[in-house]
Amino acid sequence: MTTTLIIPAAGRGSRFGADVPKQYLALRGRPVLAWTLQAFAGEVDSAIIAVDKAWMPTAQAIVLGASFPVTLVLGGATRQASVLAALRAAADGIVLIHDAVRPLVPRHCIADCIAAIREHGSAVVAVPCAATVKRTADGRTVAATVPRDDLWLAQTPQGFRRDLGLTAFADPAAGTCSDDAQVLERSGHAPVLVLGDARNLKITTPDDLALAEALLAG
């Protein structure tokens, strides 16, 4: 089956505090988005990136260096809207959705996710929760310690067969979800877990960018 990478890159990344969205910041001399695309070289047949209209020229310049065909579409007001726009432009087959600001995703995470989708229809890369988790009722005081034996921390890529994803993301009843796998969950599908990697970090703060620089240097 054809494998299409979808990158929702229309967000402004306000938490980072920069004038430039995180996906266009320089990482060892290249935009973060360029590193992210490079990570999927040889693993996917093509990519579709959902982009904010104001940053379309910047994205166009970046994708010229990709080693596989890349299509740009206008992103929506939310991540789900951006993914739906990209899904409508995708070919039938397997779809992988990946954060634009996870440039260090290891190849084994990508390959294992694709294999799991082929077998089960949908999958999500994740890592077991290693930290002790506390629940609070007022934002300050510990109300309970949450058992972590069955808790996993989701990463990307997350993926599915295009037909499943198109139905799920087009359904208004899906509501607002915290990640792409949850959209499938609300449609009645249970994505399988694929073991992720600590190096697959998401650049959210300046410290994350500095860590990514260090990892690439090493």
Protein backbone atom coordinates (compact mmCIF):
# COMPACT_ATOMS: atom_id res chain seq x y z
CA MET A 1 0.00 0.00 0.00
CA THR A 2 1.04 3.58 -0.66
CA THR A 3 2.35 5.34 2.46
CA THR A 4 1.67 9.06 2.80
CA LEU A 5 3.16 11.26 5.49
CA ILE A 6 0.94 14.07 6.79
CA ILE A 7 2.50 16.91 8.78
CA PRO A 8 0.12 19.42 10.40
CA ALA A 9 2.33 22.53 10.34
CA ALA A 10 -0.20 25.38 10.46
CA GLY A 11 0.29 26.08 14.17
CA ARG A 12 1.95 29.25 15.46
CA GLY A 13 3.73 27.63 18.43
CA SER A 14 2.91 30.46 20.83
CA ARG A 15 4.25 28.55 23.86
CA PHE A 16 7.77 28.75 22.47
CA GLY A 17 7.73 32.53 22.61
CA ALA A 18 9.45 33.19 19.25
CA ASP A 19 8.30 35.40 16.37
CA VAL A 20 8.77 32.46 14.00
CA PRO A 21 6.72 29.24 14.34
CA LYS A 22 8.82 26.44 15.81
CA GLN A 23 8.80 24.36 12.65
CA TYR A 24 10.72 27.10 10.81
CA LEU A 25 13.33 27.80 13.47
CA ALA A 26 16.94 26.98 12.65
CA LEU A 27 18.30 23.69 13.98
CA ARG A 28 22.01 23.32 13.21
CA GLY A 29 21.61 25.63 10.24
CA ARG A 30 18.45 24.09 8.76
CA PRO A 31 14.75 24.59 9.52
CA VAL A 32 13.27 22.10 11.96
CA LEU A 33 10.72 21.09 9.30
CA ALA A 34 13.54 20.16 6.90
CA TRP A 35 15.02 17.78 9.50
CA THR A 36 11.58 16.25 10.09
CA LEU A 37 11.07 15.57 6.39
CA GLN A 38 14.54 14.06 6.10
CA ALA A 39 13.74 11.59 8.88
CA PHE A 40 11.12 9.94 6.64
CA ALA A 41 13.27 9.63 3.52
CA GLY A 42 13.01 6.08 2.20
CA GLU A 43 10.10 5.26 4.53
CA VAL A 44 7.18 7.01 2.76
CA ASP A 45 6.13 7.53 -0.84
CA SER A 46 5.04 11.15 -0.48
CA ALA A 47 4.07 13.82 2.03
CA ILE A 48 1.32 16.39 2.48
CA ILE A 49 1.98 19.36 4.76
CA ALA A 50 -0.82 21.57 6.07
CA VAL A 51 0.55 25.11 6.28
CA ASP A 52 -0.65 28.51 7.43
CA LYS A 53 -1.21 30.81 4.44
CA ALA A 54 1.26 33.42 5.73
CA TRP A 55 4.06 30.85 5.86
CA MET A 56 3.35 29.11 2.55
CA PRO A 57 6.36 30.67 0.73
CA THR A 58 8.69 29.61 3.55
CA ALA A 59 7.35 26.05 3.46
CA GLN A 60 7.62 25.92 -0.33
CA ALA A 61 11.31 26.78 -0.13
CA ILE A 62 11.92 24.07 2.48
CA VAL A 63 10.20 21.22 0.62
CA LEU A 64 12.25 21.82 -2.52
CA GLY A 65 15.01 19.88 -0.78
CA ALA A 66 12.89 16.84 0.06
CA SER A 67 13.82 13.47 -1.43
CA PHE A 68 10.18 12.53 -2.13
CA PRO A 69 7.16 14.40 -3.54
CA VAL A 70 5.64 16.92 -1.11
CA THR A 71 2.29 18.69 -1.51
CA LEU A 72 1.32 21.76 0.50
CA VAL A 73 -2.28 22.42 1.50
CA LEU A 74 -3.81 25.23 3.53
CA GLY A 75 -4.18 24.25 7.17
CA GLY A 76 -7.26 24.84 9.28
CA ALA A 77 -7.93 26.60 12.55
CA THR A 78 -7.27 23.39 14.50
CA ARG A 79 -4.95 20.41 14.13
CA GLN A 80 -7.92 18.17 13.29
CA ALA A 81 -9.02 20.53 10.53
CA SER A 82 -5.50 20.57 9.11
CA VAL A 83 -5.27 16.77 9.17
CA LEU A 84 -8.66 16.47 7.46
CA ALA A 85 -7.57 18.85 4.69
CA ALA A 86 -4.45 16.76 4.14
CA LEU A 87 -6.37 13.47 4.26
CA ARG A 88 -8.67 14.69 1.50
CA ALA A 89 -5.61 15.30 -0.68
CA ALA A 90 -3.94 11.96 0.16
CA ALA A 91 -3.97 8.77 -1.87
CA ASP A 92 -5.62 5.63 -0.54
CA GLY A 93 -3.34 3.45 1.55
CA ILE A 94 -1.46 4.05 4.79
CA VAL A 95 -1.29 7.51 6.34
CA LEU A 96 1.26 8.55 8.96
CA ILE A 97 0.68 11.77 10.90
CA HIS A 98 3.76 13.30 12.47
CA ASP A 99 4.46 16.45 14.44
CA ALA A 100 6.42 19.02 12.44
CA VAL A 101 8.58 19.63 15.50
CA ARG A 102 9.70 16.03 16.15
CA PRO A 103 12.77 16.08 13.89
CA LEU A 104 14.72 13.28 15.59
CA VAL A 105 12.24 10.41 15.22
CA PRO A 106 14.26 7.17 14.82
CA ARG A 107 13.74 5.03 11.73
CA HIS A 108 12.63 2.03 13.78
CA CYS A 109 9.66 4.01 15.15
CA ILE A 110 8.53 4.85 11.62
CA ALA A 111 9.02 1.34 10.24
CA ASP A 112 7.36 -0.34 13.24
CA CYS A 113 4.37 2.02 13.04
CA ILE A 114 3.87 1.27 9.34
CA ALA A 115 4.07 -2.48 9.99
CA ALA A 116 1.51 -2.22 12.81
CA ILE A 117 -0.90 -0.26 10.62
CA ARG A 118 -0.60 -2.87 7.88
CA GLU A 119 -1.57 -5.56 10.39
CA HIS A 120 -4.09 -3.78 12.63
CA GLY A 121 -5.40 -0.77 10.69
CA SER A 122 -4.20 1.91 13.12
CA ALA A 123 -1.27 2.49 15.48
CA VAL A 124 0.35 5.05 17.75
CA VAL A 125 4.00 5.36 18.74
CA ALA A 126 4.30 5.75 22.53
CA VAL A 127 6.57 5.11 25.49
CA PRO A 128 5.63 3.61 28.88
CA CYS A 129 5.16 6.22 31.60
CA ALA A 130 8.24 6.03 33.83
CA ALA A 131 7.39 8.89 36.19
CA THR A 132 5.13 8.77 39.22
CA VAL A 133 1.87 10.52 38.33
CA LYS A 134 -0.06 12.66 40.81
CA ARG A 135 -3.66 13.85 40.47
CA THR A 136 -4.81 17.12 42.01
CA ALA A 137 -8.25 18.60 42.50
CA ASP A 138 -7.22 22.22 43.09
CA GLY A 139 -4.02 22.56 41.07
CA ARG A 140 -1.75 22.54 44.13
CA THR A 141 -2.59 19.74 46.54
CA VAL A 142 -2.05 16.05 45.76
CA ALA A 143 -5.37 14.20 45.72
CA ALA A 144 -4.10 10.81 44.58
CA THR A 145 -1.19 8.90 43.09
CA VAL A 146 -2.20 7.35 39.79
CA PRO A 147 -1.08 3.76 39.04
CA ARG A 148 1.23 3.95 36.02
CA ASP A 149 1.44 0.28 35.02
CA ASP A 150 -0.96 0.78 32.11
CA LEU A 151 -0.05 4.40 31.23
CA TRP A 152 1.78 5.30 28.02
CA LEU A 153 2.95 8.68 26.74
CA ALA A 154 1.94 9.23 23.13
CA GLN A 155 4.43 10.37 20.50
CA THR A 156 4.18 10.52 16.73
CA PRO A 157 3.96 9.14 14.13
CA GLN A 158 0.41 7.99 14.59
CA GLY A 159 -1.32 6.42 11.65
CA PHE A 160 -4.11 4.45 10.08
CA ARG A 161 -5.58 3.34 6.79
CA ARG A 162 -6.78 6.43 4.95
CA ASP A 163 -10.37 5.20 4.73
CA LEU A 164 -10.58 4.84 8.52
CA GLY A 165 -8.99 8.22 9.14
CA LEU A 166 -11.08 10.09 6.59
CA THR A 167 -14.29 8.81 8.16
CA ALA A 168 -13.12 9.58 11.69
CA PHE A 169 -11.77 13.08 11.03
CA ALA A 170 -14.79 14.11 8.94
CA ASP A 171 -17.20 13.16 11.73
CA PRO A 172 -18.38 16.30 13.62
CA ALA A 173 -19.09 14.09 16.64
CA ALA A 174 -15.35 13.55 17.13
CA GLY A 175 -15.17 16.83 19.05
CA THR A 176 -11.83 18.25 20.14
CA CYS A 177 -9.14 15.62 20.68
CA SER A 178 -5.69 15.92 22.22
CA ASP A 179 -4.03 13.81 19.53
CA ASP A 180 -4.79 12.06 16.25
CA ALA A 181 -5.17 8.60 17.76
CA GLN A 182 -7.98 9.86 19.99
CA VAL A 183 -9.98 10.80 16.89
CA LEU A 184 -9.81 7.14 15.84
CA GLU A 185 -10.69 6.02 19.36
CA ARG A 186 -13.88 8.09 19.30
CA SER A 187 -14.82 6.40 16.03
CA GLY A 188 -14.65 3.02 17.70
CA HIS A 189 -11.15 1.97 16.66
CA ALA A 190 -8.43 0.91 19.09
CA PRO A 191 -4.97 1.81 17.74
CA VAL A 192 -2.20 -0.57 18.76
CA LEU A 193 0.79 0.73 20.70
CA VAL A 194 4.20 0.81 19.03
CA LEU A 195 7.23 1.29 21.26
CA GLY A 196 8.66 4.79 20.85
CA ASP A 197 11.99 6.31 21.78
CA ALA A 198 13.18 8.98 24.22
CA ARG A 199 15.08 10.67 21.37
CA ASN A 200 11.77 11.34 19.63
CA LEU A 201 11.36 14.61 21.49
CA LYS A 202 8.87 17.34 20.62
CA ILE A 203 10.35 20.82 20.42
CA THR A 204 8.05 22.91 22.61
CA THR A 205 10.44 25.20 24.52
CA PRO A 206 13.88 26.77 23.88
CA ASP A 207 15.36 24.07 26.14
CA ASP A 208 13.95 21.39 23.81
CA LEU A 209 15.59 23.11 20.85
CA ALA A 210 18.91 23.19 22.67
CA LEU A 211 18.57 19.48 23.51
CA ALA A 212 17.84 18.66 19.86
CA GLU A 213 20.96 20.62 18.87
CA ALA A 214 23.02 18.61 21.35
CA LEU A 215 21.62 15.27 20.17
CA LEU A 216 22.35 16.09 16.54
CA ALA A 217 25.86 17.22 17.45
CA GLY A 218 26.46 13.94 19.22
